[in-house]
Amino acid sequence: MRNDSIISARAVPQRAIARNLRMGGVAGGILGSTLGVLTADLLRGRRPDLAQAALTPANALRLAGGLGHLRGAAMKLGQMMSMENGFALPPELAAILGQLQANAPAMPPKQLKSVLSSEWGPDWHKQFARFDVQPIAAASIGQVHRAQLRDGSDLAVKVQFPGVAESIDSDIATLGRLMRLPGVLPKGMEIASLLEQARAQLHEEADYTREAVALEGFGASMQGDDAFIVPRFHARHSTSRILAMDFVESTPIEALATAPEEDRNLAVSRLITLVLREIFDFGFMQTDPNFANYRLAPNGRIVLLDFGATRRIAPEVAMQYQTLLRAFLAQDRPAIWQQMLSLGYFSPDQPEARQALIVDLAIQASAPLRQDTPYDFARSTLIEDLALAGAELGAEREFWHVPPADLLFMHRKIGGMFLLAQRLRANVALRPLLEGWA
């Protein structure tokens, strides 16, 4: 979510016909632009490249603009698919969808008040001493408002965009058709399982009652932890479309970038340890790495927000990851290969040379984990190095493989932590942190 002083407003289309017409216009624009580029190439005597013609900057703007206007499932799916770091998607498409990391505009006050009246009743305002109509944050599924009850309690109230929950199935189906336009995806790449997982995940995220359970679960698991704050849930003012919790005064986590190095390193160490606790201790993980979900309280504690993307981690899966972690630390290539195959990083019918390349990249990516001395995230070129080393993966478009959704969500979180550590210019020895779970 985003925290701006002023957030632009734009009504959310609620009816399926309006949403489908919007995406139909996007699809038509992309198809027309693609045919235009192919025709121009032919007239210039150049060999047409369907993928290059489809994935142009203009089409990137069309796709990102269409999804951003709809918010909801379409925008969220675009965000999720852009976060899996190229293991499943061509870099051109990942770049297009990556534009959706920019947050959605808010809904106008009139539409907001209609939602509040529908959920709380027409006299909802009588419960509050103050309710700020201007949101303090807006994202793909809802927006957050600050409010004060008549007893003086400060609340953060998360309000879901109207029509989002009802539109998930049709939006996913529409986006699936859009992704299958000629040249958008590699030939033979099947995304049906990813779309289905995304559909299920989005239905869960749109259920604020479920998020409330996750919020309380994190609060209980971290009770007494003086490093973090999990806002307290307010059941009386919550529904399946509204989530109320304590408002915690805080600043963006990025403010730590100018703090003393000791403070930056401590915060990153705590966040990395939290990821490990989520996988191996809690059995559930908040998989949205948006920096705005981590804020800094005046007392130095880290405030944790937004548990809509929380996913369960089965004990047997956690054990597999623990075995893989041990193999990485020992640089045991055969064990790494076997565990990666078992977890679904690649499929057994992919060429052995391609499997070997993915294993090589994984070993390269895990190098910081084996380092006993502090790893300098700010000076790291690991992401660029992996992109360069993995160029061969992108060249063989017929062998694209979509890993299991749980794997993508977990790597989304881990990748986000790496980027946050870079932003905070941390120097942290990772192996000592990991060995408690290895």
Protein backbone atom coordinates (compact mmCIF):
# COMPACT_ATOMS: atom_id res chain seq x y z
CA MET A 1 0.00 0.00 0.00
CA ARG A 2 1.01 3.58 -0.51
CA ASN A 3 1.08 6.42 1.98
CA ASP A 4 0.79 9.78 0.25
CA SER A 5 -0.52 13.08 1.57
CA ILE A 6 -2.91 13.27 -1.39
CA ILE A 7 -4.11 10.19 -3.28
CA SER A 8 -5.91 10.66 -6.59
CA ALA A 9 -9.46 9.29 -6.85
CA ARG A 10 -11.14 7.36 -9.63
CA ALA A 11 -14.39 5.39 -9.44
CA VAL A 12 -14.01 1.60 -9.49
CA PRO A 13 -16.12 -0.09 -12.22
CA GLN A 14 -18.40 -2.49 -10.34
CA ARG A 15 -20.45 -4.29 -12.99
CA ALA A 16 -18.93 -7.19 -14.90
CA ILE A 17 -19.99 -5.73 -18.27
CA ALA A 18 -18.12 -2.48 -17.57
CA ARG A 19 -15.00 -4.35 -16.47
CA ASN A 20 -15.10 -6.71 -19.47
CA LEU A 21 -15.58 -3.82 -21.90
CA ARG A 22 -12.57 -2.10 -20.37
CA MET A 23 -10.37 -5.18 -20.76
CA GLY A 24 -11.82 -5.85 -24.22
CA GLY A 25 -10.63 -2.41 -25.25
CA VAL A 26 -7.18 -3.16 -23.86
CA ALA A 27 -7.02 -6.48 -25.74
CA GLY A 28 -8.15 -4.83 -28.98
CA GLY A 29 -5.53 -2.12 -28.61
CA ILE A 30 -2.75 -4.65 -27.99
CA LEU A 31 -3.81 -6.82 -30.93
CA GLY A 32 -4.08 -3.84 -33.28
CA SER A 33 -0.70 -2.48 -32.21
CA THR A 34 0.91 -5.92 -32.64
CA LEU A 35 -0.44 -6.30 -36.18
CA GLY A 36 0.77 -2.79 -36.99
CA VAL A 37 4.32 -3.55 -35.87
CA LEU A 38 4.36 -6.86 -37.78
CA THR A 39 3.13 -5.14 -40.94
CA ALA A 40 5.75 -2.40 -40.62
CA ASP A 41 8.48 -5.02 -40.23
CA LEU A 42 7.32 -6.79 -43.39
CA LEU A 43 7.25 -3.55 -45.36
CA ARG A 44 10.80 -2.77 -44.23
CA GLY A 45 11.95 -6.20 -45.31
CA ARG A 46 12.67 -7.33 -41.75
CA ARG A 47 11.79 -10.74 -40.38
CA PRO A 48 8.68 -10.29 -38.14
CA ASP A 49 9.12 -11.15 -34.45
CA LEU A 50 5.70 -11.81 -32.89
CA ALA A 51 6.90 -11.58 -29.28
CA GLN A 52 8.77 -8.35 -29.88
CA ALA A 53 5.77 -6.90 -31.72
CA ALA A 54 3.38 -7.75 -28.89
CA LEU A 55 5.56 -6.65 -25.98
CA THR A 56 6.15 -3.03 -26.97
CA PRO A 57 6.30 -0.04 -24.58
CA ALA A 58 2.94 1.15 -25.95
CA ASN A 59 1.34 -2.19 -25.16
CA ALA A 60 2.94 -2.13 -21.75
CA LEU A 61 1.12 1.13 -21.04
CA ARG A 62 -2.15 -0.30 -22.39
CA LEU A 63 -1.95 -3.40 -20.20
CA ALA A 64 -0.78 -1.63 -17.05
CA GLY A 65 -3.35 1.15 -17.51
CA GLY A 66 -6.22 -1.27 -18.04
CA LEU A 67 -5.39 -3.37 -15.00
CA GLY A 68 -4.74 -0.33 -12.83
CA HIS A 69 -8.13 1.15 -13.76
CA LEU A 70 -9.92 -2.05 -12.73
CA ARG A 71 -7.93 -2.53 -9.52
CA GLY A 72 -9.03 -5.73 -7.84
CA ALA A 73 -8.18 -9.14 -9.19
CA ALA A 74 -6.77 -7.97 -12.51
CA MET A 75 -4.31 -5.55 -10.96
CA LYS A 76 -3.38 -7.92 -8.15
CA LEU A 77 -2.67 -10.76 -10.56
CA GLY A 78 -0.47 -8.45 -12.59
CA GLN A 79 1.46 -7.58 -9.44
CA MET A 80 1.86 -11.21 -8.41
CA MET A 81 3.00 -12.38 -11.82
CA SER A 82 5.53 -9.56 -12.06
CA MET A 83 7.15 -10.54 -8.76
CA GLU A 84 8.34 -14.04 -9.57
CA ASN A 85 11.71 -12.81 -10.84
CA GLY A 86 11.68 -14.27 -14.31
CA PHE A 87 11.56 -18.00 -13.48
CA ALA A 88 8.19 -18.32 -15.20
CA LEU A 89 7.66 -15.20 -17.30
CA PRO A 90 9.61 -13.65 -20.16
CA PRO A 91 11.49 -10.53 -19.01
CA GLU A 92 9.49 -8.36 -21.42
CA LEU A 93 6.19 -9.41 -19.84
CA ALA A 94 7.60 -9.15 -16.32
CA ALA A 95 8.62 -5.56 -17.09
CA ILE A 96 5.09 -4.77 -18.35
CA LEU A 97 3.39 -6.21 -15.29
CA GLY A 98 6.03 -4.69 -13.03
CA GLN A 99 4.50 -1.29 -13.79
CA LEU A 100 1.58 -2.37 -11.61
CA GLN A 101 3.72 -2.02 -8.50
CA ALA A 102 2.59 1.60 -8.69
CA ASN A 103 -0.49 1.73 -6.47
CA ALA A 104 -4.07 2.24 -7.50
CA PRO A 105 -5.97 5.51 -7.15
CA ALA A 106 -8.54 5.74 -4.37
CA MET A 107 -12.29 5.57 -4.88
CA PRO A 108 -14.14 8.91 -4.68
CA PRO A 109 -15.80 9.97 -1.37
CA LYS A 110 -19.31 9.33 -2.70
CA GLN A 111 -18.45 5.73 -3.60
CA LEU A 112 -16.66 5.28 -0.25
CA LYS A 113 -19.69 6.48 1.74
CA SER A 114 -21.92 4.12 -0.21
CA VAL A 115 -19.70 1.18 0.77
CA LEU A 116 -19.63 2.25 4.44
CA SER A 117 -23.41 2.63 4.56
CA SER A 118 -23.86 -0.78 2.99
CA GLU A 119 -21.57 -2.46 5.54
CA TRP A 120 -22.25 -0.43 8.71
CA GLY A 121 -25.73 0.94 8.10
CA PRO A 122 -26.85 4.49 7.17
CA ASP A 123 -26.03 5.95 10.61
CA TRP A 124 -22.45 4.62 10.68
CA HIS A 125 -20.96 8.09 11.23
CA LYS A 126 -22.59 8.31 14.69
CA GLN A 127 -20.08 5.74 15.97
CA PHE A 128 -17.15 8.02 15.23
CA ALA A 129 -15.78 11.25 16.60
CA ARG A 130 -13.86 11.58 13.33
CA PHE A 131 -13.57 9.66 10.07
CA ASP A 132 -11.05 10.93 7.51
CA VAL A 133 -12.53 10.58 4.02
CA GLN A 134 -9.12 11.07 2.41
CA PRO A 135 -7.38 7.67 2.63
CA ILE A 136 -3.91 7.30 4.10
CA ALA A 137 -3.20 4.38 1.75
CA ALA A 138 -4.65 2.84 -1.41
CA ALA A 139 -3.81 -0.42 -3.18
CA SER A 140 -5.32 -2.98 -5.54
CA ILE A 141 -8.16 -4.37 -3.40
CA GLY A 142 -8.95 -1.62 -0.91
CA GLN A 143 -7.92 1.59 0.80
CA VAL A 144 -7.20 2.58 4.41
CA HIS A 145 -8.70 5.45 6.40
CA ARG A 146 -7.85 6.86 9.79
CA ALA A 147 -10.75 7.21 12.22
CA GLN A 148 -11.42 7.91 15.89
CA LEU A 149 -14.17 6.31 17.93
CA ARG A 150 -16.18 8.35 20.42
CA ASP A 151 -14.21 6.74 23.25
CA GLY A 152 -11.00 8.20 21.78
CA SER A 153 -9.64 4.99 20.25
CA ASP A 154 -7.67 5.59 17.05
CA LEU A 155 -8.43 3.12 14.26
CA ALA A 156 -7.06 2.25 10.86
CA VAL A 157 -10.06 1.16 8.75
CA LYS A 158 -9.42 -0.88 5.61
CA VAL A 159 -12.32 -0.59 3.14
CA GLN A 160 -12.62 -2.93 0.16
CA PHE A 161 -13.35 -1.52 -3.29
CA PRO A 162 -16.93 -2.30 -4.37
CA GLY A 163 -17.36 -5.14 -6.82
CA VAL A 164 -13.85 -6.53 -6.27
CA ALA A 165 -14.87 -9.82 -4.67
CA GLU A 166 -17.65 -10.45 -7.20
CA SER A 167 -15.37 -9.69 -10.16
CA ILE A 168 -12.49 -12.04 -9.34
CA ASP A 169 -13.58 -15.01 -11.46
CA SER A 170 -14.51 -12.94 -14.52
CA ASP A 171 -11.41 -10.74 -14.21
CA ILE A 172 -9.09 -13.75 -13.98
CA ALA A 173 -10.78 -15.35 -17.01
CA THR A 174 -10.52 -12.10 -18.97
CA LEU A 175 -6.88 -11.60 -18.05
CA GLY A 176 -6.16 -15.23 -18.98
CA ARG A 177 -7.54 -14.57 -22.46
CA LEU A 178 -5.48 -11.39 -22.66
CA MET A 179 -2.28 -13.22 -21.70
CA ARG A 180 -2.94 -15.75 -24.46
CA LEU A 181 -2.94 -13.15 -27.21
CA PRO A 182 -0.38 -14.10 -29.87
CA GLY A 183 3.15 -13.24 -28.80
CA VAL A 184 2.40 -12.25 -25.20
CA LEU A 185 3.47 -15.57 -23.65
CA PRO A 186 6.13 -18.01 -24.88
CA LYS A 187 4.81 -20.68 -27.23
CA GLY A 188 3.58 -23.69 -25.27
CA MET A 189 3.69 -21.97 -21.87
CA GLU A 190 0.67 -23.09 -19.83
CA ILE A 191 -0.53 -20.70 -17.14
CA ALA A 192 -3.84 -22.36 -16.25
CA SER A 193 -2.57 -23.65 -12.89
CA LEU A 194 -1.10 -20.25 -11.99
CA LEU A 195 -4.35 -18.50 -12.89
CA GLU A 196 -6.32 -20.95 -10.75
CA GLN A 197 -3.97 -20.47 -7.80
CA ALA A 198 -4.19 -16.72 -8.23
CA ARG A 199 -7.99 -16.89 -8.37
CA ALA A 200 -8.09 -18.86 -5.11
CA GLN A 201 -5.59 -16.54 -3.46
CA LEU A 202 -7.54 -13.45 -4.50
CA HIS A 203 -10.79 -14.85 -3.11
CA GLU A 204 -8.95 -15.32 0.18
CA GLU A 205 -7.50 -11.79 0.11
CA ALA A 206 -10.93 -10.33 -0.60
CA ASP A 207 -12.32 -11.98 2.54
CA TYR A 208 -11.43 -9.56 5.32
CA THR A 209 -12.83 -12.01 7.88
CA ARG A 210 -10.04 -14.40 6.88
CA GLU A 211 -7.47 -11.59 7.05
CA ALA A 212 -8.69 -10.78 10.56
CA VAL A 213 -7.92 -14.38 11.58
CA ALA A 214 -4.41 -14.02 10.11
CA LEU A 215 -3.96 -10.67 11.88
CA GLU A 216 -4.90 -12.21 15.21
CA GLY A 217 -2.75 -15.27 14.47
CA PHE A 218 0.33 -13.13 13.91
CA GLY A 219 -0.50 -11.12 17.00
CA ALA A 220 -0.69 -14.27 19.11
CA SER A 221 2.48 -15.79 17.63
CA MET A 222 4.43 -12.58 18.29
CA GLN A 223 2.99 -11.72 21.67
CA GLY A 224 5.71 -10.37 23.93
CA ASP A 225 8.13 -9.78 21.03
CA ASP A 226 9.67 -6.39 21.69
CA ALA A 227 10.99 -6.06 18.12
CA PHE A 228 7.60 -5.89 16.36
CA ILE A 229 4.10 -4.46 16.72
CA VAL A 230 1.04 -6.21 15.27
CA PRO A 231 -2.02 -3.91 15.42
CA ARG A 232 -4.92 -5.13 17.54
CA PHE A 233 -8.03 -6.27 15.65
CA HIS A 234 -11.36 -4.49 16.32
CA ALA A 235 -14.11 -7.05 15.67
CA ARG A 236 -17.04 -4.72 16.43
CA HIS A 237 -16.26 -2.44 13.47
CA SER A 238 -15.16 -5.16 11.04
CA THR A 239 -17.07 -7.08 8.37
CA SER A 240 -16.10 -9.27 5.42
CA ARG A 241 -15.47 -6.03 3.46
CA ILE A 242 -14.15 -3.77 6.25
CA LEU A 243 -11.20 -4.49 8.53
CA ALA A 244 -10.69 -2.29 11.59
CA MET A 245 -7.56 -2.34 13.75
CA ASP A 246 -5.51 -0.08 16.01
CA PHE A 247 -3.92 2.86 14.27
CA VAL A 248 -0.22 2.80 15.17
CA GLU A 249 1.72 6.03 14.74
CA SER A 250 4.68 5.22 12.50
CA THR A 251 6.90 6.29 9.62
CA PRO A 252 7.93 4.41 6.45
CA ILE A 253 10.56 1.71 7.08
CA GLU A 254 12.74 3.44 4.45
CA ALA A 255 13.38 6.18 7.01
CA LEU A 256 15.93 3.79 8.50
CA ALA A 257 18.13 4.30 5.42
CA THR A 258 19.61 7.40 7.09
CA ALA A 259 19.84 5.84 10.57
CA PRO A 260 23.12 4.63 12.14
CA GLU A 261 24.43 1.42 10.59
CA GLU A 262 23.85 -0.51 13.81
CA ASP A 263 20.13 0.31 13.70
CA ARG A 264 19.82 -0.60 10.02
CA ASN A 265 21.58 -3.92 10.49
CA LEU A 266 19.48 -4.80 13.53
CA ALA A 267 16.21 -4.10 11.70
CA VAL A 268 17.19 -6.21 8.68
CA SER A 269 18.41 -9.06 10.93
CA ARG A 270 15.06 -9.03 12.71
CA LEU A 271 13.10 -9.04 9.45
CA ILE A 272 15.15 -11.92 8.01
CA THR A 273 14.69 -13.86 11.24
CA LEU A 274 10.95 -13.20 11.02
CA VAL A 275 10.86 -14.77 7.54
CA LEU A 276 12.57 -17.87 8.95
CA ARG A 277 10.12 -18.01 11.86
CA GLU A 278 7.19 -17.76 9.45
CA ILE A 279 8.44 -20.72 7.41
CA PHE A 280 9.76 -23.02 10.12
CA ASP A 281 7.96 -21.99 13.35
CA PHE A 282 4.62 -20.33 12.60
CA GLY A 283 3.61 -22.48 9.63
CA PHE A 284 2.20 -19.45 7.83
CA MET A 285 3.75 -16.54 5.96
CA GLN A 286 2.69 -13.03 5.02
CA THR A 287 3.79 -13.16 1.37
CA ASP A 288 3.36 -9.53 0.29
CA PRO A 289 6.82 -7.85 0.37
CA ASN A 290 5.56 -4.33 -0.29
CA PHE A 291 7.79 -1.99 1.73
CA ALA A 292 4.68 -0.14 2.94
CA ASN A 293 3.73 -3.22 4.97
CA TYR A 294 6.67 -2.53 7.29
CA ARG A 295 6.75 0.73 9.24
CA LEU A 296 8.79 2.16 12.06
CA ALA A 297 7.18 3.13 15.38
CA PRO A 298 8.66 6.02 17.43
CA ASN A 299 10.11 3.50 19.92
CA GLY A 300 12.04 1.74 17.16
CA ARG A 301 9.78 -1.32 16.88
CA ILE A 302 8.74 -2.47 13.41
CA VAL A 303 5.00 -2.31 12.71
CA LEU A 304 3.65 -5.19 10.60
CA LEU A 305 0.68 -4.49 8.33
CA ASP A 306 -1.52 -6.19 5.72
CA PHE A 307 -2.07 -9.90 6.27
CA GLY A 308 -4.38 -10.52 3.34
CA ALA A 309 -1.71 -12.48 1.45
CA THR A 310 -0.94 -14.81 4.37
CA ARG A 311 -0.48 -18.43 3.24
CA ARG A 312 -0.23 -21.65 5.21
CA ILE A 313 2.98 -23.69 4.98
CA ALA A 314 2.42 -27.40 5.49
CA PRO A 315 4.85 -29.08 7.93
CA GLU A 316 6.07 -31.50 5.24
CA VAL A 317 6.79 -28.57 2.88
CA ALA A 318 8.67 -26.72 5.63
CA MET A 319 10.77 -29.87 6.14
CA GLN A 320 11.59 -29.93 2.42
CA TYR A 321 12.72 -26.30 2.57
CA GLN A 322 14.80 -27.08 5.64
CA THR A 323 16.51 -29.92 3.75
CA LEU A 324 17.12 -27.58 0.80
CA LEU A 325 18.53 -24.91 3.14
CA ARG A 326 20.98 -27.43 4.60
CA ALA A 327 22.00 -28.50 1.11
CA PHE A 328 22.63 -24.87 0.12
CA LEU A 329 24.78 -24.26 3.20
CA ALA A 330 26.78 -27.44 2.49
CA GLN A 331 26.91 -26.73 -1.28
CA ASP A 332 25.68 -30.28 -1.81
CA ARG A 333 24.77 -30.08 -5.50
CA PRO A 334 23.05 -33.49 -5.84
CA ALA A 335 20.89 -32.79 -2.77
CA ILE A 336 20.07 -29.29 -4.05
CA TRP A 337 19.04 -30.73 -7.43
CA GLN A 338 16.84 -33.40 -5.86
CA GLN A 339 15.08 -31.00 -3.47
CA MET A 340 14.53 -28.37 -6.16
CA LEU A 341 13.00 -31.02 -8.41
CA SER A 342 10.81 -32.27 -5.55
CA LEU A 343 9.61 -28.75 -4.71
CA GLY A 344 8.82 -27.92 -8.36
CA TYR A 345 11.49 -25.41 -9.35
CA PHE A 346 11.68 -27.34 -12.62
CA SER A 347 9.86 -30.34 -14.06
CA PRO A 348 11.40 -33.79 -14.68
CA ASP A 349 10.58 -33.58 -18.41
CA GLN A 350 12.68 -30.44 -18.91
CA PRO A 351 16.06 -31.04 -20.60
CA GLU A 352 18.76 -32.04 -18.11
CA ALA A 353 20.97 -29.18 -19.28
CA ARG A 354 18.23 -26.69 -18.44
CA GLN A 355 17.71 -28.27 -15.01
CA ALA A 356 21.45 -28.01 -14.42
CA LEU A 357 21.43 -24.33 -15.36
CA ILE A 358 18.63 -23.60 -12.88
CA VAL A 359 20.55 -25.46 -10.15
CA ASP A 360 23.68 -23.43 -11.01
CA LEU A 361 21.71 -20.20 -10.69
CA ALA A 362 20.26 -21.32 -7.36
CA ILE A 363 23.71 -22.10 -5.99
CA GLN A 364 24.92 -18.71 -7.18
CA ALA A 365 21.90 -16.99 -5.60
CA SER A 366 22.50 -18.77 -2.29
CA ALA A 367 26.12 -17.64 -1.97
CA PRO A 368 25.26 -14.87 0.58
CA LEU A 369 23.65 -17.52 2.82
CA ARG A 370 26.98 -19.31 3.24
CA GLN A 371 28.84 -16.16 4.28
CA ASP A 372 29.90 -15.99 7.94
CA THR A 373 31.01 -12.37 7.62
CA PRO A 374 28.54 -9.49 7.10
CA TYR A 375 27.06 -9.39 3.60
CA ASP A 376 27.02 -5.87 2.12
CA PHE A 377 23.58 -5.64 0.54
CA ALA A 378 24.13 -2.09 -0.72
CA ARG A 379 27.14 -3.10 -2.83
CA SER A 380 25.63 -6.38 -3.97
CA THR A 381 25.28 -6.97 -7.70
CA LEU A 382 23.67 -10.38 -7.15
CA ILE A 383 20.39 -9.55 -8.90
CA GLU A 384 22.18 -8.15 -11.96
CA ASP A 385 24.61 -11.08 -12.00
CA LEU A 386 21.77 -13.60 -11.87
CA ALA A 387 19.93 -11.81 -14.68
CA LEU A 388 23.06 -11.98 -16.82
CA ALA A 389 23.81 -15.60 -15.93
CA GLY A 390 20.21 -16.60 -16.56
CA ALA A 391 19.99 -15.07 -20.03
CA GLU A 392 20.20 -18.59 -21.49
CA LEU A 393 16.94 -19.48 -19.73
CA GLY A 394 15.15 -16.73 -21.59
CA ALA A 395 16.56 -17.80 -24.93
CA GLU A 396 14.87 -21.22 -24.77
CA ARG A 397 11.27 -20.01 -24.75
CA GLU A 398 9.84 -23.45 -25.52
CA PHE A 399 10.98 -24.75 -22.13
CA TRP A 400 9.30 -22.24 -19.84
CA HIS A 401 8.02 -23.83 -16.64
CA VAL A 402 5.62 -22.30 -14.12
CA PRO A 403 6.62 -23.35 -10.58
CA PRO A 404 3.91 -24.03 -7.96
CA ALA A 405 2.15 -20.91 -6.72
CA ASP A 406 3.34 -21.44 -3.13
CA LEU A 407 6.92 -21.37 -4.39
CA LEU A 408 6.32 -18.12 -6.25
CA PHE A 409 4.72 -16.48 -3.22
CA MET A 410 7.59 -17.53 -0.95
CA HIS A 411 10.24 -16.26 -3.34
CA ARG A 412 8.26 -13.08 -3.76
CA LYS A 413 8.63 -12.49 -0.02
CA ILE A 414 12.31 -13.49 0.10
CA GLY A 415 13.11 -11.32 -2.92
CA GLY A 416 11.30 -8.41 -1.30
CA MET A 417 13.40 -8.80 1.86
CA PHE A 418 16.58 -8.72 -0.23
CA LEU A 419 15.47 -5.49 -1.91
CA LEU A 420 14.53 -3.94 1.43
CA ALA A 421 17.95 -4.87 2.85
CA GLN A 422 19.51 -3.16 -0.16
CA ARG A 423 17.38 -0.06 0.38
CA LEU A 424 18.47 0.09 4.03
CA ARG A 425 22.14 -0.47 3.10
CA ALA A 426 22.46 -3.30 5.60
CA ASN A 427 25.54 -5.37 6.41
CA VAL A 428 24.37 -8.66 7.93
CA ALA A 429 26.04 -12.05 8.36
CA LEU A 430 23.36 -14.43 7.09
CA ARG A 431 24.77 -17.86 7.91
CA PRO A 432 24.62 -17.34 11.70
CA LEU A 433 20.94 -16.33 11.33
CA LEU A 434 20.12 -19.41 9.25
CA GLU A 435 21.94 -22.02 11.29
CA GLY A 436 19.30 -21.97 14.01
CA TRP A 437 16.92 -23.60 11.51
CA ALA A 438 19.43 -25.69 9.53
